[in-house]
C-alpha atoms as a PDB file:
ATOM      1  CA  UNK A   1      81.175 116.153 105.753  1.00  0.00           C
ATOM      2  CA  UNK A   2      79.120 116.883 108.841  1.00  0.00           C
ATOM      3  CA  UNK A   3      77.095 113.717 108.412  1.00  0.00           C
ATOM      4  CA  UNK A   4      80.339 111.742 108.259  1.00  0.00           C
ATOM      5  CA  UNK A   5      81.555 113.194 111.555  1.00  0.00           C
ATOM      6  CA  UNK A   6      78.129 112.639 113.083  1.00  0.00           C
ATOM      7  CA  UNK A   7      78.000 109.025 111.985  1.00  0.00           C
ATOM      8  CA  UNK A   8      81.531 108.434 113.270  1.00  0.00           C
ATOM      9  CA  UNK A   9      80.570 109.858 116.671  1.00  0.00           C
ATOM     10  CA  UNK A  10      77.435 107.707 116.691  1.00  0.00           C
ATOM     11  CA  UNK A  11      79.518 104.656 115.818  1.00  0.00           C
ATOM     12  CA  UNK A  12      81.972 105.418 118.627  1.00  0.00           C
ATOM     13  CA  UNK A  13      79.115 105.872 121.110  1.00  0.00           C
ATOM     14  CA  UNK A  14      77.442 102.640 120.004  1.00  0.00           C
ATOM     15  CA  UNK A  15      80.511 100.430 120.297  1.00  0.00           C
ATOM     16  CA  UNK A  16      82.432  99.378 123.363  1.00  0.00           C
ATOM     17  CA  UNK A  17      84.984 101.669 124.988  1.00  0.00           C
ATOM     18  CA  UNK A  18      88.002  99.872 123.549  1.00  0.00           C
ATOM     19  CA  UNK A  19      86.553  99.819 120.051  1.00  0.00           C
ATOM     20  CA  UNK A  20      85.704 103.507 120.355  1.00  0.00           C
ATOM     21  CA  UNK A  21      89.236 104.291 121.446  1.00  0.00           C
ATOM     22  CA  UNK A  22      90.616 102.270 118.542  1.00  0.00           C
ATOM     23  CA  UNK A  23      88.438 104.145 116.035  1.00  0.00           C
ATOM     24  CA  UNK A  24      89.456 107.468 117.596  1.00  0.00           C
ATOM     25  CA  UNK A  25      93.129 106.475 117.405  1.00  0.00           C
ATOM     26  CA  UNK A  26      92.759 105.623 113.714  1.00  0.00           C
ATOM     27  CA  UNK A  27      91.128 109.009 113.054  1.00  0.00           C
ATOM     28  CA  UNK A  28      93.965 110.836 114.822  1.00  0.00           C
ATOM     29  CA  UNK A  29      96.579 108.787 112.954  1.00  0.00           C
ATOM     30  CA  UNK A  30      94.989 109.721 109.627  1.00  0.00           C
ATOM     31  CA  UNK A  31      94.952 113.396 110.638  1.00  0.00           C
ATOM     32  CA  UNK A  32      98.596 113.170 111.731  1.00  0.00           C
ATOM     33  CA  UNK A  33      99.630 111.599 108.436  1.00  0.00           C
ATOM     34  CA  UNK A  34      97.772 114.305 106.521  1.00  0.00           C
ATOM     35  CA  UNK A  35      99.497 117.057 108.508  1.00  0.00           C
ATOM     36  CA  UNK A  36     102.916 115.445 107.933  1.00  0.00           C
ATOM     37  CA  UNK A  37     102.179 115.262 104.205  1.00  0.00           C
ATOM     38  CA  UNK A  38     101.181 118.930 104.155  1.00  0.00           C
ATOM     39  CA  UNK A  39     104.353 119.821 106.074  1.00  0.00           C
ATOM     40  CA  UNK A  40     106.549 117.933 103.620  1.00  0.00           C
ATOM     41  CA  UNK A  41     104.726 119.450 100.655  1.00  0.00           C
ATOM     42  CA  UNK A  42     104.757 123.112 101.680  1.00  0.00           C
ATOM     43  CA  UNK A  43     107.564 123.601 104.224  1.00  0.00           C
ATOM     44  CA  UNK A  44     110.375 121.415 102.861  1.00  0.00           C
ATOM     45  CA  UNK A  45     110.568 122.934  99.333  1.00  0.00           C
ATOM     46  CA  UNK A  46     111.138 126.381 100.873  1.00  0.00           C
ATOM     47  CA  UNK A  47     114.086 125.025 102.858  1.00  0.00           C
ATOM     48  CA  UNK A  48     115.545 123.483  99.702  1.00  0.00           C
ATOM     49  CA  UNK A  49     115.037 126.763  97.868  1.00  0.00           C
ATOM     50  CA  UNK A  50     117.096 128.507 100.560  1.00  0.00           C
ATOM     51  CA  UNK A  51     119.868 125.938 100.116  1.00  0.00           C
ATOM     52  CA  UNK A  52     120.306 126.627  96.385  1.00  0.00           C
ATOM     53  CA  UNK A  53     122.415 129.847  96.689  1.00  0.00           C
ATOM     54  CA  UNK A  54     125.066 127.872  98.594  1.00  0.00           C
ATOM     55  CA  UNK A  55     125.677 125.778  95.480  1.00  0.00           C
ATOM     56  CA  UNK A  56     126.164 128.981  93.477  1.00  0.00           C
ATOM     57  CA  UNK A  57     128.925 130.084  95.843  1.00  0.00           C
ATOM     58  CA  UNK A  58     130.845 126.864  95.213  1.00  0.00           C
ATOM     59  CA  UNK A  59     130.799 127.430  91.462  1.00  0.00           C
ATOM     60  CA  UNK A  60     132.092 131.027  91.642  1.00  0.00           C
END
């Protein structure tokens, strides 16, 4: 993993400023998508689990 980060930094340093910024933006977009996926996977089911007792009140 470290060699991947090192080669990405070398690639950014070797290219022009705009290309480096574009590569950096893509990296941050991938990280943002991964964090959103983790949020939807781990946070949302807990909120749905809290909403289930409300349905039980309607039935009783």
